[in-house]
Amino acid sequence: MMKKLLVAAMLAGSLGTVAAPASSAIIVVRQAPPAPRTEAVPAARRGHVWVPGHWDWRGERYVWVKGNYMRERRSYMYDQPSWEERDGRWHRTGDAWRRGDRDNDGDGVKNRDDNRPNNPNRN
């Protein structure tokens, strides 16, 4: 009987430790974010996507998160974090990769809008 209780307690304890990623948290704030800061964008890096800086909510205040390069994910588009107002409250959205339209030649133009979607001479 004691073993069953011990196993049940361990199982219940392990279920409580599952954590969701921080980016999936829903953030709602009454105070509008400050204006975005101007950042110098460094030289492009092959295979990476520039993500501009943004205001994030930490604790009880806004904190500026500097822009950075993220490794690109082919056939995906990155939704950068942003704030939108709804009914007097500010909701944080974005910060996720979503499946996008294909861009075979990597020129930033989706295949459906590109006259030559497989142009090997593109930079």
PDB file of N, CA and C in Angstrom:
ATOM      1  N   MET A   1       0.827  -1.187   0.000  1.00  0.00           N
ATOM      2  CA  MET A   1       0.000   0.000   0.000  1.00  0.00           C
ATOM      3  C   MET A   1       0.875   1.256   0.000  1.00  0.00           C
ATOM      4  N   MET A   2       1.958   1.236   0.769  1.00  0.00           N
ATOM      5  CA  MET A   2       2.845   2.382   0.864  1.00  0.00           C
ATOM      6  C   MET A   2       3.537   2.655  -0.471  1.00  0.00           C
ATOM      7  N   LYS A   3       3.902   1.574  -1.198  1.00  0.00           N
ATOM      8  CA  LYS A   3       4.535   1.738  -2.502  1.00  0.00           C
ATOM      9  C   LYS A   3       3.589   2.426  -3.481  1.00  0.00           C
ATOM     10  N   LYS A   4       2.310   2.048  -3.458  1.00  0.00           N
ATOM     11  CA  LYS A   4       1.320   2.654  -4.353  1.00  0.00           C
ATOM     12  C   LYS A   4       1.186   4.147  -4.077  1.00  0.00           C
ATOM     13  N   LEU A   5       1.173   4.523  -2.806  1.00  0.00           N
ATOM     14  CA  LEU A   5       1.070   5.935  -2.443  1.00  0.00           C
ATOM     15  C   LEU A   5       2.315   6.698  -2.892  1.00  0.00           C
ATOM     16  N   LEU A   6       3.478   6.099  -2.716  1.00  0.00           N
ATOM     17  CA  LEU A   6       4.717   6.731  -3.118  1.00  0.00           C
ATOM     18  C   LEU A   6       4.770   6.925  -4.639  1.00  0.00           C
ATOM     19  N   VAL A   7       4.387   5.910  -5.398  1.00  0.00           N
ATOM     20  CA  VAL A   7       4.366   6.003  -6.869  1.00  0.00           C
ATOM     21  C   VAL A   7       3.354   7.056  -7.308  1.00  0.00           C
ATOM     22  N   ALA A   8       2.188   7.079  -6.702  1.00  0.00           N
ATOM     23  CA  ALA A   8       1.164   8.068  -7.052  1.00  0.00           C
ATOM     24  C   ALA A   8       1.646   9.481  -6.751  1.00  0.00           C
ATOM     25  N   ALA A   9       2.325   9.680  -5.633  1.00  0.00           N
ATOM     26  CA  ALA A   9       2.840  10.999  -5.276  1.00  0.00           C
ATOM     27  C   ALA A   9       3.920  11.443  -6.259  1.00  0.00           C
ATOM     28  N   MET A  10       4.801  10.522  -6.671  1.00  0.00           N
ATOM     29  CA  MET A  10       5.848  10.865  -7.634  1.00  0.00           C
ATOM     30  C   MET A  10       5.237  11.217  -8.993  1.00  0.00           C
ATOM     31  N   LEU A  11       4.246  10.456  -9.408  1.00  0.00           N
ATOM     32  CA  LEU A  11       3.591  10.727 -10.684  1.00  0.00           C
ATOM     33  C   LEU A  11       2.885  12.079 -10.649  1.00  0.00           C
ATOM     34  N   ALA A  12       2.171  12.361  -9.591  1.00  0.00           N
ATOM     35  CA  ALA A  12       1.478  13.647  -9.459  1.00  0.00           C
ATOM     36  C   ALA A  12       2.476  14.797  -9.424  1.00  0.00           C
ATOM     37  N   GLY A  13       3.589  14.608  -8.744  1.00  0.00           N
ATOM     38  CA  GLY A  13       4.611  15.653  -8.680  1.00  0.00           C
ATOM     39  C   GLY A  13       5.257  15.913 -10.029  1.00  0.00           C
ATOM     40  N   SER A  14       5.473  14.864 -10.807  1.00  0.00           N
ATOM     41  CA  SER A  14       6.100  15.053 -12.119  1.00  0.00           C
ATOM     42  C   SER A  14       5.147  15.721 -13.098  1.00  0.00           C
ATOM     43  N   LEU A  15       3.864  15.509 -12.996  1.00  0.00           N
ATOM     44  CA  LEU A  15       2.894  16.163 -13.883  1.00  0.00           C
ATOM     45  C   LEU A  15       2.843  17.660 -13.625  1.00  0.00           C
ATOM     46  N   GLY A  16       3.084  18.062 -12.411  1.00  0.00           N
ATOM     47  CA  GLY A  16       3.038  19.481 -12.071  1.00  0.00           C
ATOM     48  C   GLY A  16       4.255  20.255 -12.537  1.00  0.00           C
ATOM     49  N   THR A  17       5.295  19.561 -13.020  1.00  0.00           N
ATOM     50  CA  THR A  17       6.510  20.258 -13.423  1.00  0.00           C
ATOM     51  C   THR A  17       6.579  20.569 -14.913  1.00  0.00           C
ATOM     52  N   VAL A  18       5.551  20.213 -15.677  1.00  0.00           N
ATOM     53  CA  VAL A  18       5.541  20.514 -17.099  1.00  0.00           C
ATOM     54  C   VAL A  18       5.398  22.019 -17.271  1.00  0.00           C
ATOM     55  N   ALA A  19       6.298  22.615 -18.051  1.00  0.00           N
ATOM     56  CA  ALA A  19       6.280  24.070 -18.232  1.00  0.00           C
ATOM     57  C   ALA A  19       6.077  24.418 -19.696  1.00  0.00           C
ATOM     58  N   ALA A  20       5.309  25.473 -19.933  1.00  0.00           N
ATOM     59  CA  ALA A  20       5.115  25.979 -21.292  1.00  0.00           C
ATOM     60  C   ALA A  20       6.234  26.955 -21.606  1.00  0.00           C
ATOM     61  N   PRO A  21       6.604  27.088 -22.887  1.00  0.00           N
ATOM     62  CA  PRO A  21       7.633  28.063 -23.234  1.00  0.00           C
ATOM     63  C   PRO A  21       7.211  29.474 -22.870  1.00  0.00           C
ATOM     64  N   ALA A  22       8.185  30.326 -22.528  1.00  0.00           N
ATOM     65  CA  ALA A  22       7.873  31.698 -22.127  1.00  0.00           C
ATOM     66  C   ALA A  22       7.150  32.463 -23.217  1.00  0.00           C
ATOM     67  N   SER A  23       7.464  32.168 -24.494  1.00  0.00           N
ATOM     68  CA  SER A  23       6.841  32.905 -25.591  1.00  0.00           C
ATOM     69  C   SER A  23       5.356  32.611 -25.722  1.00  0.00           C
ATOM     70  N   SER A  24       4.873  31.510 -25.113  1.00  0.00           N
ATOM     71  CA  SER A  24       3.458  31.186 -25.227  1.00  0.00           C
ATOM     72  C   SER A  24       2.626  31.892 -24.153  1.00  0.00           C
ATOM     73  N   ALA A  25       3.283  32.590 -23.243  1.00  0.00           N
ATOM     74  CA  ALA A  25       2.561  33.273 -22.175  1.00  0.00           C
ATOM     75  C   ALA A  25       1.700  34.394 -22.749  1.00  0.00           C
ATOM     76  N   ILE A  26       0.521  34.557 -22.202  1.00  0.00           N
ATOM     77  CA  ILE A  26      -0.359  35.637 -22.619  1.00  0.00           C
ATOM     78  C   ILE A  26      -0.096  36.817 -21.704  1.00  0.00           C
ATOM     79  N   ILE A  27       0.262  37.943 -22.301  1.00  0.00           N
ATOM     80  CA  ILE A  27       0.586  39.127 -21.517  1.00  0.00           C
ATOM     81  C   ILE A  27      -0.413  40.218 -21.840  1.00  0.00           C
ATOM     82  N   VAL A  28      -1.089  40.726 -20.814  1.00  0.00           N
ATOM     83  CA  VAL A  28      -2.047  41.820 -20.969  1.00  0.00           C
ATOM     84  C   VAL A  28      -1.692  42.889 -19.940  1.00  0.00           C
ATOM     85  N   VAL A  29      -1.559  44.141 -20.413  1.00  0.00           N
ATOM     86  CA  VAL A  29      -1.109  45.237 -19.571  1.00  0.00           C
ATOM     87  C   VAL A  29      -2.039  46.428 -19.757  1.00  0.00           C
ATOM     88  N   ARG A  30      -2.256  47.210 -18.728  1.00  0.00           N
ATOM     89  CA  ARG A  30      -3.102  48.415 -18.833  1.00  0.00           C
ATOM     90  C   ARG A  30      -2.351  49.618 -19.384  1.00  0.00           C
ATOM     91  N   GLN A  31      -1.045  49.611 -19.290  1.00  0.00           N
ATOM     92  CA  GLN A  31      -0.208  50.743 -19.666  1.00  0.00           C
ATOM     93  C   GLN A  31       0.355  50.531 -21.080  1.00  0.00           C
ATOM     94  N   ALA A  32       0.264  51.551 -21.923  1.00  0.00           N
ATOM     95  CA  ALA A  32       0.779  51.457 -23.295  1.00  0.00           C
ATOM     96  C   ALA A  32       2.296  51.348 -23.288  1.00  0.00           C
ATOM     97  N   PRO A  33       2.865  50.599 -24.249  1.00  0.00           N
ATOM     98  CA  PRO A  33       4.326  50.510 -24.314  1.00  0.00           C
ATOM     99  C   PRO A  33       4.924  51.818 -24.807  1.00  0.00           C
ATOM    100  N   PRO A  34       6.171  52.110 -24.434  1.00  0.00           N
ATOM    101  CA  PRO A  34       6.854  53.290 -24.962  1.00  0.00           C
ATOM    102  C   PRO A  34       7.060  53.154 -26.468  1.00  0.00           C
ATOM    103  N   ALA A  35       7.434  54.246 -27.114  1.00  0.00           N
ATOM    104  CA  ALA A  35       7.728  54.207 -28.547  1.00  0.00           C
ATOM    105  C   ALA A  35       8.937  53.308 -28.791  1.00  0.00           C
ATOM    106  N   PRO A  36       8.954  52.599 -29.914  1.00  0.00           N
ATOM    107  CA  PRO A  36      10.115  51.752 -30.201  1.00  0.00           C
ATOM    108  C   PRO A  36      11.393  52.575 -30.313  1.00  0.00           C
ATOM    109  N   ARG A  37      12.496  51.986 -29.925  1.00  0.00           N
ATOM    110  CA  ARG A  37      13.793  52.645 -30.031  1.00  0.00           C
ATOM    111  C   ARG A  37      14.348  52.437 -31.439  1.00  0.00           C
ATOM    112  N   THR A  38      15.216  53.349 -31.844  1.00  0.00           N
ATOM    113  CA  THR A  38      15.888  53.216 -33.131  1.00  0.00           C
ATOM    114  C   THR A  38      17.163  52.415 -32.924  1.00  0.00           C
ATOM    115  N   GLU A  39      17.340  51.400 -33.743  1.00  0.00           N
ATOM    116  CA  GLU A  39      18.530  50.563 -33.635  1.00  0.00           C
ATOM    117  C   GLU A  39      19.253  50.531 -34.978  1.00  0.00           C
ATOM    118  N   ALA A  40      20.563  50.506 -34.924  1.00  0.00           N
ATOM    119  CA  ALA A  40      21.350  50.310 -36.144  1.00  0.00           C
ATOM    120  C   ALA A  40      21.330  48.814 -36.454  1.00  0.00           C
ATOM    121  N   VAL A  41      20.955  48.487 -37.686  1.00  0.00           N
ATOM    122  CA  VAL A  41      20.908  47.086 -38.087  1.00  0.00           C
ATOM    123  C   VAL A  41      22.288  46.683 -38.591  1.00  0.00           C
ATOM    124  N   PRO A  42      22.906  45.667 -37.976  1.00  0.00           N
ATOM    125  CA  PRO A  42      24.227  45.240 -38.431  1.00  0.00           C
ATOM    126  C   PRO A  42      24.156  44.617 -39.829  1.00  0.00           C
ATOM    127  N   ALA A  43      25.306  44.397 -40.434  1.00  0.00           N
ATOM    128  CA  ALA A  43      25.375  43.788 -41.762  1.00  0.00           C
ATOM    129  C   ALA A  43      24.633  42.452 -41.769  1.00  0.00           C
ATOM    130  N   ALA A  44      24.037  42.159 -42.907  1.00  0.00           N
ATOM    131  CA  ALA A  44      23.259  40.917 -43.051  1.00  0.00           C
ATOM    132  C   ALA A  44      24.135  39.693 -42.816  1.00  0.00           C
ATOM    133  N   ARG A  45      23.528  38.658 -42.269  1.00  0.00           N
ATOM    134  CA  ARG A  45      24.223  37.392 -42.031  1.00  0.00           C
ATOM    135  C   ARG A  45      23.507  36.303 -42.809  1.00  0.00           C
ATOM    136  N   ARG A  46      24.218  35.616 -43.622  1.00  0.00           N
ATOM    137  CA  ARG A  46      23.642  34.557 -44.454  1.00  0.00           C
ATOM    138  C   ARG A  46      23.011  33.479 -43.567  1.00  0.00           C
ATOM    139  N   GLY A  47      21.782  33.091 -43.920  1.00  0.00           N
ATOM    140  CA  GLY A  47      21.093  32.042 -43.170  1.00  0.00           C
ATOM    141  C   GLY A  47      20.442  32.525 -41.891  1.00  0.00           C
ATOM    142  N   HIS A  48      20.375  33.865 -41.701  1.00  0.00           N
ATOM    143  CA  HIS A  48      19.777  34.427 -40.491  1.00  0.00           C
ATOM    144  C   HIS A  48      18.741  35.489 -40.842  1.00  0.00           C
ATOM    145  N   VAL A  49      17.844  35.752 -39.933  1.00  0.00           N
ATOM    146  CA  VAL A  49      16.797  36.764 -40.087  1.00  0.00           C
ATOM    147  C   VAL A  49      16.983  37.799 -38.988  1.00  0.00           C
ATOM    148  N   TRP A  50      16.964  39.088 -39.335  1.00  0.00           N
ATOM    149  CA  TRP A  50      17.076  40.146 -38.341  1.00  0.00           C
ATOM    150  C   TRP A  50      15.731  40.353 -37.662  1.00  0.00           C
ATOM    151  N   VAL A  51      15.716  40.309 -36.351  1.00  0.00           N
ATOM    152  CA  VAL A  51      14.519  40.573 -35.557  1.00  0.00           C
ATOM    153  C   VAL A  51      14.753  41.885 -34.821  1.00  0.00           C
ATOM    154  N   PRO A  52      14.014  42.948 -35.181  1.00  0.00           N
ATOM    155  CA  PRO A  52      14.218  44.246 -34.527  1.00  0.00           C
ATOM    156  C   PRO A  52      13.912  44.172 -33.032  1.00  0.00           C
ATOM    157  N   GLY A  53      14.484  45.101 -32.286  1.00  0.00           N
ATOM    158  CA  GLY A  53      14.229  45.171 -30.851  1.00  0.00           C
ATOM    159  C   GLY A  53      12.757  45.476 -30.575  1.00  0.00           C
ATOM    160  N   HIS A  54      12.333  45.190 -29.365  1.00  0.00           N
ATOM    161  CA  HIS A  54      10.927  45.405 -28.996  1.00  0.00           C
ATOM    162  C   HIS A  54      10.807  45.583 -27.482  1.00  0.00           C
ATOM    163  N   TRP A  55       9.689  46.120 -27.050  1.00  0.00           N
ATOM    164  CA  TRP A  55       9.406  46.255 -25.622  1.00  0.00           C
ATOM    165  C   TRP A  55       8.750  44.985 -25.131  1.00  0.00           C
ATOM    166  N   ASP A  56       9.242  44.471 -24.027  1.00  0.00           N
ATOM    167  CA  ASP A  56       8.663  43.296 -23.386  1.00  0.00           C
ATOM    168  C   ASP A  56       8.216  43.700 -21.988  1.00  0.00           C
ATOM    169  N   TRP A  57       7.280  42.992 -21.414  1.00  0.00           N
ATOM    170  CA  TRP A  57       6.790  43.268 -20.065  1.00  0.00           C
ATOM    171  C   TRP A  57       7.410  42.260 -19.113  1.00  0.00           C
ATOM    172  N   ARG A  58       8.150  42.774 -18.131  1.00  0.00           N
ATOM    173  CA  ARG A  58       8.778  41.893 -17.143  1.00  0.00           C
ATOM    174  C   ARG A  58       8.510  42.449 -15.756  1.00  0.00           C
ATOM    175  N   GLY A  59       7.879  41.634 -14.962  1.00  0.00           N
ATOM    176  CA  GLY A  59       7.541  42.082 -13.609  1.00  0.00           C
ATOM    177  C   GLY A  59       6.436  43.100 -13.672  1.00  0.00           C
ATOM    178  N   GLU A  60       6.779  44.346 -13.424  1.00  0.00           N
ATOM    179  CA  GLU A  60       5.775  45.409 -13.424  1.00  0.00           C
ATOM    180  C   GLU A  60       6.189  46.584 -14.294  1.00  0.00           C
ATOM    181  N   ARG A  61       7.022  46.324 -15.308  1.00  0.00           N
ATOM    182  CA  ARG A  61       7.458  47.424 -16.171  1.00  0.00           C
ATOM    183  C   ARG A  61       7.886  46.893 -17.538  1.00  0.00           C
ATOM    184  N   TYR A  62       7.977  47.829 -18.491  1.00  0.00           N
ATOM    185  CA  TYR A  62       8.478  47.496 -19.816  1.00  0.00           C
ATOM    186  C   TYR A  62      10.001  47.462 -19.797  1.00  0.00           C
ATOM    187  N   VAL A  63      10.568  46.527 -20.543  1.00  0.00           N
ATOM    188  CA  VAL A  63      12.013  46.378 -20.671  1.00  0.00           C
ATOM    189  C   VAL A  63      12.328  46.250 -22.158  1.00  0.00           C
ATOM    190  N   TRP A  64      13.323  47.003 -22.640  1.00  0.00           N
ATOM    191  CA  TRP A  64      13.710  46.935 -24.043  1.00  0.00           C
ATOM    192  C   TRP A  64      14.550  45.683 -24.288  1.00  0.00           C
ATOM    193  N   VAL A  65      14.165  44.916 -25.305  1.00  0.00           N
ATOM    194  CA  VAL A  65      14.921  43.743 -25.729  1.00  0.00           C
ATOM    195  C   VAL A  65      15.589  44.116 -27.049  1.00  0.00           C
ATOM    196  N   LYS A  66      16.918  44.097 -27.079  1.00  0.00           N
ATOM    197  CA  LYS A  66      17.663  44.495 -28.278  1.00  0.00           C
ATOM    198  C   LYS A  66      17.378  43.549 -29.441  1.00  0.00           C
ATOM    199  N   GLY A  67      17.469  44.105 -30.647  1.00  0.00           N
ATOM    200  CA  GLY A  67      17.315  43.297 -31.845  1.00  0.00           C
ATOM    201  C   GLY A  67      18.459  42.298 -31.962  1.00  0.00           C
ATOM    202  N   ASN A  68      18.216  41.232 -32.685  1.00  0.00           N
ATOM    203  CA  ASN A  68      19.242  40.214 -32.871  1.00  0.00           C
ATOM    204  C   ASN A  68      18.959  39.394 -34.120  1.00  0.00           C
ATOM    205  N   TYR A  69      19.954  38.648 -34.540  1.00  0.00           N
ATOM    206  CA  TYR A  69      19.766  37.720 -35.647  1.00  0.00           C
ATOM    207  C   TYR A  69      19.328  36.373 -35.102  1.00  0.00           C
ATOM    208  N   MET A  70      18.375  35.761 -35.808  1.00  0.00           N
ATOM    209  CA  MET A  70      17.933  34.409 -35.480  1.00  0.00           C
ATOM    210  C   MET A  70      18.197  33.547 -36.706  1.00  0.00           C
ATOM    211  N   ARG A  71      18.550  32.310 -36.472  1.00  0.00           N
ATOM    212  CA  ARG A  71      18.771  31.401 -37.596  1.00  0.00           C
ATOM    213  C   ARG A  71      17.461  31.240 -38.356  1.00  0.00           C
ATOM    214  N   GLU A  72      17.532  31.382 -39.675  1.00  0.00           N
ATOM    215  CA  GLU A  72      16.326  31.295 -40.494  1.00  0.00           C
ATOM    216  C   GLU A  72      15.809  29.865 -40.533  1.00  0.00           C
ATOM    217  N   ARG A  73      14.529  29.731 -40.712  1.00  0.00           N
ATOM    218  CA  ARG A  73      13.890  28.425 -40.879  1.00  0.00           C
ATOM    219  C   ARG A  73      13.221  28.455 -42.248  1.00  0.00           C
ATOM    220  N   ARG A  74      13.753  27.711 -43.179  1.00  0.00           N
ATOM    221  CA  ARG A  74      13.221  27.728 -44.536  1.00  0.00           C
ATOM    222  C   ARG A  74      11.742  27.351 -44.531  1.00  0.00           C
ATOM    223  N   SER A  75      10.978  28.065 -45.332  1.00  0.00           N
ATOM    224  CA  SER A  75       9.532  27.877 -45.479  1.00  0.00           C
ATOM    225  C   SER A  75       8.750  28.356 -44.263  1.00  0.00           C
ATOM    226  N   TYR A  76       9.409  29.079 -43.348  1.00  0.00           N
ATOM    227  CA  TYR A  76       8.719  29.639 -42.193  1.00  0.00           C
ATOM    228  C   TYR A  76       8.925  31.150 -42.183  1.00  0.00           C
ATOM    229  N   MET A  77       7.992  31.855 -41.568  1.00  0.00           N
ATOM    230  CA  MET A  77       8.110  33.296 -41.400  1.00  0.00           C
ATOM    231  C   MET A  77       8.038  33.588 -39.916  1.00  0.00           C
ATOM    232  N   TYR A  78       8.829  34.560 -39.468  1.00  0.00           N
ATOM    233  CA  TYR A  78       8.872  34.888 -38.048  1.00  0.00           C
ATOM    234  C   TYR A  78       7.935  36.061 -37.768  1.00  0.00           C
ATOM    235  N   ASP A  79       7.019  35.886 -36.827  1.00  0.00           N
ATOM    236  CA  ASP A  79       6.155  36.971 -36.357  1.00  0.00           C
ATOM    237  C   ASP A  79       6.835  37.575 -35.144  1.00  0.00           C
ATOM    238  N   GLN A  80       7.360  38.775 -35.308  1.00  0.00           N
ATOM    239  CA  GLN A  80       8.061  39.398 -34.188  1.00  0.00           C
ATOM    240  C   GLN A  80       7.056  39.900 -33.150  1.00  0.00           C
ATOM    241  N   PRO A  81       7.480  40.026 -31.906  1.00  0.00           N
ATOM    242  CA  PRO A  81       6.582  40.504 -30.856  1.00  0.00           C
ATOM    243  C   PRO A  81       6.064  41.907 -31.158  1.00  0.00           C
ATOM    244  N   SER A  82       4.816  42.139 -30.837  1.00  0.00           N
ATOM    245  CA  SER A  82       4.224  43.470 -30.999  1.00  0.00           C
ATOM    246  C   SER A  82       3.120  43.629 -29.958  1.00  0.00           C
ATOM    247  N   TRP A  83       2.695  44.857 -29.780  1.00  0.00           N
ATOM    248  CA  TRP A  83       1.635  45.166 -28.827  1.00  0.00           C
ATOM    249  C   TRP A  83       0.441  45.730 -29.572  1.00  0.00           C
ATOM    250  N   GLU A  84      -0.754  45.290 -29.218  1.00  0.00           N
ATOM    251  CA  GLU A  84      -1.963  45.877 -29.795  1.00  0.00           C
ATOM    252  C   GLU A  84      -2.969  46.159 -28.684  1.00  0.00           C
ATOM    253  N   GLU A  85      -3.654  47.276 -28.845  1.00  0.00           N
ATOM    254  CA  GLU A  85      -4.614  47.693 -27.820  1.00  0.00           C
ATOM    255  C   GLU A  85      -5.986  47.112 -28.112  1.00  0.00           C
ATOM    256  N   ARG A  86      -6.615  46.583 -27.074  1.00  0.00           N
ATOM    257  CA  ARG A  86      -7.985  46.066 -27.155  1.00  0.00           C
ATOM    258  C   ARG A  86      -8.714  46.468 -25.882  1.00  0.00           C
ATOM    259  N   ASP A  87      -9.738  47.260 -26.047  1.00  0.00           N
ATOM    260  CA  ASP A  87     -10.587  47.672 -24.919  1.00  0.00           C
ATOM    261  C   ASP A  87      -9.789  48.286 -23.773  1.00  0.00           C
ATOM    262  N   GLY A  88      -8.840  49.163 -24.097  1.00  0.00           N
ATOM    263  CA  GLY A  88      -8.084  49.857 -23.068  1.00  0.00           C
ATOM    264  C   GLY A  88      -6.968  49.050 -22.432  1.00  0.00           C
ATOM    265  N   ARG A  89      -6.729  47.862 -22.941  1.00  0.00           N
ATOM    266  CA  ARG A  89      -5.644  47.018 -22.426  1.00  0.00           C
ATOM    267  C   ARG A  89      -4.717  46.671 -23.581  1.00  0.00           C
ATOM    268  N   TRP A  90      -3.447  46.465 -23.262  1.00  0.00           N
ATOM    269  CA  TRP A  90      -2.437  46.161 -24.268  1.00  0.00           C
ATOM    270  C   TRP A  90      -2.089  44.687 -24.225  1.00  0.00           C
ATOM    271  N   HIS A  91      -2.202  44.017 -25.386  1.00  0.00           N
ATOM    272  CA  HIS A  91      -1.944  42.587 -25.506  1.00  0.00           C
ATOM    273  C   HIS A  91      -0.682  42.373 -26.333  1.00  0.00           C
ATOM    274  N   ARG A  92       0.202  41.516 -25.840  1.00  0.00           N
ATOM    275  CA  ARG A  92       1.423  41.198 -26.572  1.00  0.00           C
ATOM    276  C   ARG A  92       1.126  40.035 -27.507  1.00  0.00           C
ATOM    277  N   THR A  93       1.512  40.183 -28.768  1.00  0.00           N
ATOM    278  CA  THR A  93       1.303  39.133 -29.763  1.00  0.00           C
ATOM    279  C   THR A  93       2.618  38.827 -30.454  1.00  0.00           C
ATOM    280  N   GLY A  94       2.613  37.775 -31.231  1.00  0.00           N
ATOM    281  CA  GLY A  94       3.783  37.435 -32.030  1.00  0.00           C
ATOM    282  C   GLY A  94       4.782  36.584 -31.296  1.00  0.00           C
ATOM    283  N   ASP A  95       6.050  36.677 -31.736  1.00  0.00           N
ATOM    284  CA  ASP A  95       7.153  35.902 -31.191  1.00  0.00           C
ATOM    285  C   ASP A  95       6.968  34.415 -31.468  1.00  0.00           C
ATOM    286  N   ALA A  96       6.750  34.107 -32.757  1.00  0.00           N
ATOM    287  CA  ALA A  96       6.560  32.711 -33.134  1.00  0.00           C
ATOM    288  C   ALA A  96       6.914  32.513 -34.604  1.00  0.00           C
ATOM    289  N   TRP A  97       7.342  31.325 -34.924  1.00  0.00           N
ATOM    290  CA  TRP A  97       7.555  30.945 -36.321  1.00  0.00           C
ATOM    291  C   TRP A  97       6.269  30.333 -36.834  1.00  0.00           C
ATOM    292  N   ARG A  98       5.865  30.742 -38.025  1.00  0.00           N
ATOM    293  CA  ARG A  98       4.674  30.142 -38.632  1.00  0.00           C
ATOM    294  C   ARG A  98       5.021  29.709 -40.040  1.00  0.00           C
ATOM    295  N   ARG A  99       4.347  28.674 -40.460  1.00  0.00           N
ATOM    296  CA  ARG A  99       4.583  28.133 -41.801  1.00  0.00           C
ATOM    297  C   ARG A  99       4.206  29.188 -42.816  1.00  0.00           C
ATOM    298  N   GLY A 100       5.111  29.533 -43.697  1.00  0.00           N
ATOM    299  CA  GLY A 100       4.855  30.561 -44.701  1.00  0.00           C
ATOM    300  C   GLY A 100       4.837  29.981 -46.098  1.00  0.00           C
ATOM    301  N   ASP A 101       4.565  30.832 -47.047  1.00  0.00           N
ATOM    302  CA  ASP A 101       4.646  30.411 -48.433  1.00  0.00           C
ATOM    303  C   ASP A 101       6.108  30.159 -48.776  1.00  0.00           C
ATOM    304  N   ARG A 102       6.333  29.244 -49.665  1.00  0.00           N
ATOM    305  CA  ARG A 102       7.708  28.889 -50.028  1.00  0.00           C
ATOM    306  C   ARG A 102       8.404  30.019 -50.773  1.00  0.00           C
ATOM    307  N   ASP A 103       9.722  30.076 -50.608  1.00  0.00           N
ATOM    308  CA  ASP A 103      10.591  31.028 -51.299  1.00  0.00           C
ATOM    309  C   ASP A 103      11.829  30.239 -51.718  1.00  0.00           C
ATOM    310  N   ASN A 104      11.713  29.504 -52.836  1.00  0.00           N
ATOM    311  CA  ASN A 104      12.769  28.573 -53.248  1.00  0.00           C
ATOM    312  C   ASN A 104      14.126  29.219 -53.454  1.00  0.00           C
ATOM    313  N   ASP A 105      14.172  30.424 -54.026  1.00  0.00           N
ATOM    314  CA  ASP A 105      15.471  31.020 -54.328  1.00  0.00           C
ATOM    315  C   ASP A 105      15.965  31.975 -53.244  1.00  0.00           C
ATOM    316  N   GLY A 106      15.214  32.127 -52.156  1.00  0.00           N
ATOM    317  CA  GLY A 106      15.678  32.911 -51.015  1.00  0.00           C
ATOM    318  C   GLY A 106      15.787  34.398 -51.256  1.00  0.00           C
ATOM    319  N   ASP A 107      15.002  34.932 -52.191  1.00  0.00           N
ATOM    320  CA  ASP A 107      15.083  36.366 -52.483  1.00  0.00           C
ATOM    321  C   ASP A 107      14.076  37.190 -51.692  1.00  0.00           C
ATOM    322  N   GLY A 108      13.303  36.545 -50.838  1.00  0.00           N
ATOM    323  CA  GLY A 108      12.326  37.271 -50.024  1.00  0.00           C
ATOM    324  C   GLY A 108      10.989  37.450 -50.700  1.00  0.00           C
ATOM    325  N   VAL A 109      10.847  36.955 -51.940  1.00  0.00           N
ATOM    326  CA  VAL A 109       9.573  37.044 -52.668  1.00  0.00           C
ATOM    327  C   VAL A 109       8.971  35.648 -52.711  1.00  0.00           C
ATOM    328  N   LYS A 110       7.730  35.522 -52.271  1.00  0.00           N
ATOM    329  CA  LYS A 110       7.070  34.216 -52.249  1.00  0.00           C
ATOM    330  C   LYS A 110       6.961  33.665 -53.672  1.00  0.00           C
ATOM    331  N   ASN A 111       7.069  32.349 -53.805  1.00  0.00           N
ATOM    332  CA  ASN A 111       7.011  31.711 -55.123  1.00  0.00           C
ATOM    333  C   ASN A 111       5.791  32.156 -55.921  1.00  0.00           C
ATOM    334  N   ARG A 112       4.637  32.256 -55.285  1.00  0.00           N
ATOM    335  CA  ARG A 112       3.415  32.607 -56.017  1.00  0.00           C
ATOM    336  C   ARG A 112       3.469  34.022 -56.585  1.00  0.00           C
ATOM    337  N   ASP A 113       4.333  34.891 -56.035  1.00  0.00           N
ATOM    338  CA  ASP A 113       4.459  36.271 -56.519  1.00  0.00           C
ATOM    339  C   ASP A 113       5.728  36.491 -57.331  1.00  0.00           C
ATOM    340  N   ASP A 114       6.540  35.454 -57.498  1.00  0.00           N
ATOM    341  CA  ASP A 114       7.851  35.580 -58.131  1.00  0.00           C
ATOM    342  C   ASP A 114       7.779  35.084 -59.573  1.00  0.00           C
ATOM    343  N   ASN A 115       8.270  35.893 -60.537  1.00  0.00           N
ATOM    344  CA  ASN A 115       8.288  35.471 -61.935  1.00  0.00           C
ATOM    345  C   ASN A 115       9.247  34.322 -62.175  1.00  0.00           C
ATOM    346  N   ARG A 116      10.331  34.269 -61.392  1.00  0.00           N
ATOM    347  CA  ARG A 116      11.337  33.214 -61.538  1.00  0.00           C
ATOM    348  C   ARG A 116      11.648  32.642 -60.146  1.00  0.00           C
ATOM    349  N   PRO A 117      10.765  31.807 -59.597  1.00  0.00           N
ATOM    350  CA  PRO A 117      10.928  31.348 -58.207  1.00  0.00           C
ATOM    351  C   PRO A 117      12.122  30.435 -57.940  1.00  0.00           C
ATOM    352  N   ASN A 118      12.749  29.926 -59.004  1.00  0.00           N
ATOM    353  CA  ASN A 118      13.886  29.028 -58.801  1.00  0.00           C
ATOM    354  C   ASN A 118      15.145  29.587 -59.442  1.00  0.00           C
ATOM    355  N   ASN A 119      15.309  30.888 -59.428  1.00  0.00           N
ATOM    356  CA  ASN A 119      16.455  31.544 -60.055  1.00  0.00           C
ATOM    357  C   ASN A 119      17.725  31.272 -59.241  1.00  0.00           C
ATOM    358  N   PRO A 120      18.648  30.470 -59.754  1.00  0.00           N
ATOM    359  CA  PRO A 120      19.868  30.151 -58.996  1.00  0.00           C
ATOM    360  C   PRO A 120      20.869  31.290 -58.947  1.00  0.00           C
ATOM    361  N   ASN A 121      20.653  32.354 -59.733  1.00  0.00           N
ATOM    362  CA  ASN A 121      21.621  33.471 -59.779  1.00  0.00           C
ATOM    363  C   ASN A 121      21.285  34.571 -58.785  1.00  0.00           C
ATOM    364  N   ARG A 122      20.299  34.374 -57.953  1.00  0.00           N
ATOM    365  CA  ARG A 122      19.948  35.391 -56.958  1.00  0.00           C
ATOM    366  C   ARG A 122      20.975  35.386 -55.850  1.00  0.00           C
ATOM    367  N   ASN A 123      21.197  36.557 -55.272  1.00  0.00           N
ATOM    368  CA  ASN A 123      22.138  36.649 -54.145  1.00  0.00           C
ATOM    369  C   ASN A 123      21.452  36.304 -52.870  1.00  0.00           C
TER     370      ASN A 123
END
